[in-house]
């Protein structure tokens, strides 16, 4: 049985490990087998904790998300779950323990984030069930435990006069030229602000009056063709 190499293992530590091995032999225990079993149990314990499983789940699913969204998911776990539950065996976590972690987020005034973290945890627990690391998704026991978020609908303009006033304000904008162009394009192409802001020249075919947004920039991960009006082409 190898105890370790000097000087990483001091003579004092080597003698102590030797004496422990002798005691194990006296008790009918093979020191080599005991060492292997201990390493296996440590590894099994690490692979069963919440953080290990959550990171494994994240790696296996990150191809489904945009890089920014994938980074946001793991960051939320790192901020709000791992510090308190990351080292716990996922099969031993109780609903009140998870609720306590979510309450910390809620008490910061970030109720919507608390709901997002709750949803992420549900996906992690269901993955753990599927891979045999726990028996059930305990987030089901927490349904209704968090207060519902207040949905705020942003009013849209339906009065032609008001829309005309908005266009006049945009035309009078005296800031950056590129920003003014983006403001003028927005009501003509009906895309998300991020898709417009990240547009590249290579995506446009002005001869065909088309803008092809690639799949990796779209929320649904599908390419999106935007026809360009005469006014959009002029801008």
Protein backbone atom coordinates (compact mmCIF):
# COMPACT_ATOMS: atom_id res chain seq x y z
CA UNK A 1 0.00 0.00 0.00
CA UNK A 2 1.45 3.39 -1.03
CA UNK A 3 1.21 6.01 1.70
CA UNK A 4 2.53 8.94 -0.34
CA UNK A 5 5.69 10.57 -1.66
CA UNK A 6 8.12 12.60 0.40
CA UNK A 7 8.11 15.59 0.96
CA UNK A 8 4.37 15.92 0.17
CA UNK A 9 3.84 13.42 3.00
CA UNK A 10 6.06 14.13 6.01
CA UNK A 11 7.71 11.34 8.00
CA UNK A 12 5.34 12.04 10.89
CA UNK A 13 2.28 11.72 8.64
CA UNK A 14 3.69 8.56 7.06
CA UNK A 15 4.20 6.94 10.49
CA UNK A 16 0.66 7.90 11.51
CA UNK A 17 -0.81 6.38 8.33
CA UNK A 18 1.36 3.26 8.85
CA UNK A 19 0.01 2.82 12.37
CA UNK A 20 -3.57 3.25 11.12
CA UNK A 21 -2.97 0.60 8.46
CA UNK A 22 -1.58 -1.80 11.08
CA UNK A 23 -4.70 -1.33 13.21
CA UNK A 24 -6.91 -2.05 10.20
CA UNK A 25 -4.99 -5.27 9.48
CA UNK A 26 -5.37 -6.36 13.12
CA UNK A 27 -9.13 -5.81 12.75
CA UNK A 28 -9.22 -7.86 9.54
CA UNK A 29 -9.53 -4.86 7.18
CA UNK A 30 -7.41 -4.59 4.03
CA UNK A 31 -5.93 -1.02 4.10
CA UNK A 32 -5.77 -0.85 0.28
CA UNK A 33 -9.41 -1.86 -0.13
CA UNK A 34 -10.42 0.59 2.61
CA UNK A 35 -8.64 3.44 0.80
CA UNK A 36 -10.32 2.61 -2.53
CA UNK A 37 -13.73 2.35 -0.87
CA UNK A 38 -13.23 5.70 0.87
CA UNK A 39 -12.33 7.40 -2.41
CA UNK A 40 -15.38 5.85 -4.06
CA UNK A 41 -17.68 7.07 -1.27
CA UNK A 42 -16.25 10.61 -1.46
CA UNK A 43 -16.75 10.67 -5.24
CA UNK A 44 -20.28 9.28 -4.90
CA UNK A 45 -21.06 11.92 -2.28
CA UNK A 46 -19.79 14.73 -4.51
CA UNK A 47 -21.74 13.46 -7.52
CA UNK A 48 -24.91 13.38 -5.44
CA UNK A 49 -24.83 16.96 -4.22
CA UNK A 50 -27.06 19.65 -5.69
CA UNK A 51 -24.31 21.78 -7.23
CA UNK A 52 -22.68 18.84 -9.05
CA UNK A 53 -26.02 17.70 -10.49
CA UNK A 54 -27.09 21.24 -11.40
CA UNK A 55 -23.85 21.90 -13.29
CA UNK A 56 -24.15 18.54 -15.05
CA UNK A 57 -27.73 19.40 -16.07
CA UNK A 58 -26.60 22.83 -17.27
CA UNK A 59 -23.81 21.38 -19.44
CA UNK A 60 -26.14 18.85 -21.04
CA UNK A 61 -28.79 21.48 -21.86
CA UNK A 62 -26.86 24.66 -22.65
CA UNK A 63 -27.04 23.96 -26.40
CA UNK A 64 -30.76 24.76 -26.12
CA UNK A 65 -30.15 28.32 -24.91
CA UNK A 66 -28.39 31.39 -26.20
CA UNK A 67 -24.98 31.96 -24.55
CA UNK A 68 -26.35 34.90 -22.55
CA UNK A 69 -29.39 32.99 -21.31
CA UNK A 70 -27.31 29.94 -20.40
CA UNK A 71 -24.90 32.12 -18.45
CA UNK A 72 -27.82 33.79 -16.64
CA UNK A 73 -29.25 30.41 -15.57
CA UNK A 74 -26.04 29.15 -13.97
CA UNK A 75 -25.35 32.57 -12.46
CA UNK A 76 -28.72 32.57 -10.69
CA UNK A 77 -27.92 29.17 -9.18
CA UNK A 78 -24.46 30.37 -8.12
CA UNK A 79 -25.91 33.44 -6.42
CA UNK A 80 -29.08 32.13 -4.83
CA UNK A 81 -28.86 28.33 -4.39
CA UNK A 82 -25.29 26.97 -4.28
CA UNK A 83 -24.11 29.02 -1.26
CA UNK A 84 -26.77 27.39 0.96
CA UNK A 85 -27.72 24.09 -0.69
CA UNK A 86 -24.96 23.36 -3.20
CA UNK A 87 -23.05 20.92 -0.97
CA UNK A 88 -26.20 19.11 0.25
CA UNK A 89 -27.11 15.70 -1.09
CA UNK A 90 -30.00 16.38 -3.43
CA UNK A 91 -31.94 13.40 -2.08
CA UNK A 92 -31.76 14.85 1.45
CA UNK A 93 -32.91 18.41 0.69
CA UNK A 94 -36.35 19.16 2.11
CA UNK A 95 -39.01 21.52 0.70
CA UNK A 96 -38.61 23.96 3.65
CA UNK A 97 -34.85 24.19 2.98
CA UNK A 98 -35.41 25.10 -0.66
CA UNK A 99 -38.18 27.53 0.27
CA UNK A 100 -35.84 29.25 2.73
CA UNK A 101 -33.32 29.84 -0.08
CA UNK A 102 -36.06 31.21 -2.34
CA UNK A 103 -37.33 33.46 0.45
CA UNK A 104 -33.90 35.09 0.61
CA UNK A 105 -34.35 36.18 -3.00
CA UNK A 106 -37.94 37.30 -2.39
CA UNK A 107 -36.93 39.33 0.67
CA UNK A 108 -34.50 41.30 -1.47
CA UNK A 109 -37.48 42.56 -3.46
CA UNK A 110 -36.72 40.29 -6.41
CA UNK A 111 -39.92 38.24 -6.47
CA UNK A 112 -39.78 37.57 -10.22
CA UNK A 113 -36.19 36.32 -9.88
CA UNK A 114 -37.31 34.05 -7.03
CA UNK A 115 -39.88 32.49 -9.36
CA UNK A 116 -37.23 32.08 -12.08
CA UNK A 117 -34.89 30.34 -9.63
CA UNK A 118 -37.76 28.11 -8.48
CA UNK A 119 -38.39 27.06 -12.10
CA UNK A 120 -34.70 26.33 -12.66
CA UNK A 121 -34.56 24.21 -9.50
CA UNK A 122 -37.57 22.26 -10.73
CA UNK A 123 -35.72 21.35 -13.92
CA UNK A 124 -32.63 20.32 -11.93
CA UNK A 125 -34.66 18.11 -9.58
CA UNK A 126 -36.49 16.47 -12.47
CA UNK A 127 -33.12 15.75 -14.11
CA UNK A 128 -31.94 14.23 -10.82
CA UNK A 129 -35.01 12.00 -10.74
CA UNK A 130 -34.41 10.89 -14.34
CA UNK A 131 -30.75 10.06 -13.60
CA UNK A 132 -31.49 8.17 -10.39
CA UNK A 133 -30.02 10.67 -7.90
CA UNK A 134 -33.29 11.37 -6.06
CA UNK A 135 -36.79 9.94 -5.94
CA UNK A 136 -38.97 12.99 -6.57
CA UNK A 137 -39.16 16.61 -7.62
CA UNK A 138 -39.74 18.38 -4.32
CA UNK A 139 -40.48 21.72 -6.04
CA UNK A 140 -43.98 20.33 -6.62
CA UNK A 141 -44.53 20.71 -2.86
CA UNK A 142 -43.75 24.43 -3.10
CA UNK A 143 -46.42 25.37 -5.63
CA UNK A 144 -48.15 28.47 -4.33
CA UNK A 145 -45.59 29.03 -1.56
CA UNK A 146 -44.21 32.15 -3.27
CA UNK A 147 -46.54 35.11 -3.79
CA UNK A 148 -47.58 35.49 -7.44
CA UNK A 149 -45.81 38.11 -9.49
CA UNK A 150 -47.77 41.14 -10.59
CA UNK A 151 -48.13 41.19 -14.35
CA UNK A 152 -47.83 44.69 -15.73
CA UNK A 153 -49.09 45.15 -19.26
CA UNK A 154 -47.40 47.97 -21.11
CA UNK A 155 -50.03 49.98 -22.93
CA UNK A 156 -49.68 50.28 -26.70
CA UNK A 157 -50.69 53.20 -28.88
CA UNK A 158 -53.85 52.67 -30.87
CA UNK A 159 -54.72 56.31 -31.54
CA UNK A 160 -53.33 57.30 -35.00
CA UNK A 161 -52.80 60.83 -33.72
CA UNK A 162 -50.58 59.60 -30.87
CA UNK A 163 -48.63 57.36 -33.26
CA UNK A 164 -48.05 60.34 -35.51
CA UNK A 165 -46.78 62.33 -32.52
CA UNK A 166 -44.35 59.51 -31.67
CA UNK A 167 -42.96 59.49 -35.21
CA UNK A 168 -42.49 63.26 -35.04
CA UNK A 169 -40.55 62.89 -31.77
CA UNK A 170 -38.34 60.21 -33.37
CA UNK A 171 -37.68 62.42 -36.38
CA UNK A 172 -36.70 65.23 -34.03
CA UNK A 173 -34.23 63.07 -32.10
CA UNK A 174 -30.83 64.77 -32.08
CA UNK A 175 -28.70 62.06 -30.50
CA UNK A 176 -26.45 59.53 -32.19
CA UNK A 177 -27.17 58.97 -35.87
CA UNK A 178 -27.17 55.17 -35.56
CA UNK A 179 -29.63 55.37 -32.65
CA UNK A 180 -31.94 57.58 -34.69
CA UNK A 181 -31.86 55.06 -37.54
CA UNK A 182 -32.70 52.23 -35.14
CA UNK A 183 -35.63 54.22 -33.70
CA UNK A 184 -36.97 54.86 -37.20
CA UNK A 185 -36.55 51.19 -38.21
CA UNK A 186 -38.19 49.69 -35.11
CA UNK A 187 -41.84 50.32 -36.10
CA UNK A 188 -41.15 49.12 -39.66
CA UNK A 189 -39.63 45.70 -38.90
CA UNK A 190 -41.36 44.56 -35.67
CA UNK A 191 -38.41 42.71 -34.14
CA UNK A 192 -37.14 42.64 -30.57
CA UNK A 193 -34.84 45.52 -29.57
CA UNK A 194 -31.91 43.14 -29.08
CA UNK A 195 -32.34 41.66 -32.56
CA UNK A 196 -32.30 45.12 -34.10
CA UNK A 197 -29.40 46.33 -31.97
CA UNK A 198 -27.25 43.31 -32.90
CA UNK A 199 -28.07 43.37 -36.62
CA UNK A 200 -25.08 42.91 -38.96
CA UNK A 201 -24.65 44.02 -42.57
CA UNK A 202 -24.09 40.41 -43.66
CA UNK A 203 -27.71 39.62 -42.72
CA UNK A 204 -29.19 42.09 -45.21
CA UNK A 205 -29.90 41.60 -48.91
CA UNK A 206 -30.96 45.06 -50.06
CA UNK A 207 -31.51 43.91 -53.66
CA UNK A 208 -34.13 41.40 -52.46
CA UNK A 209 -35.35 43.75 -49.71
CA UNK A 210 -34.82 41.04 -47.07
CA UNK A 211 -33.24 40.81 -43.64
CA UNK A 212 -32.45 37.25 -42.53
CA UNK A 213 -31.87 37.05 -38.78
CA UNK A 214 -29.85 33.88 -38.01
CA UNK A 215 -31.23 31.24 -35.66
CA UNK A 216 -28.67 31.85 -32.90
CA UNK A 217 -30.02 35.38 -32.44
CA UNK A 218 -33.65 34.31 -32.19
CA UNK A 219 -35.42 33.26 -29.00
CA UNK A 220 -36.91 30.16 -30.67
CA UNK A 221 -33.55 29.27 -32.26
CA UNK A 222 -35.02 29.42 -35.78
CA UNK A 223 -33.97 31.80 -38.60
CA UNK A 224 -36.37 34.69 -39.14
CA UNK A 225 -36.93 36.44 -42.46
CA UNK A 226 -37.96 40.10 -42.28
CA UNK A 227 -39.23 41.74 -45.49
CA UNK A 228 -38.01 45.31 -45.86
CA UNK A 229 -40.34 48.06 -46.99
CA UNK A 230 -39.27 50.89 -49.26
CA UNK A 231 -39.08 53.16 -46.20
CA UNK A 232 -36.86 50.65 -44.33
CA UNK A 233 -34.54 50.34 -47.34
CA UNK A 234 -34.22 54.12 -47.48
CA UNK A 235 -33.22 54.28 -43.79
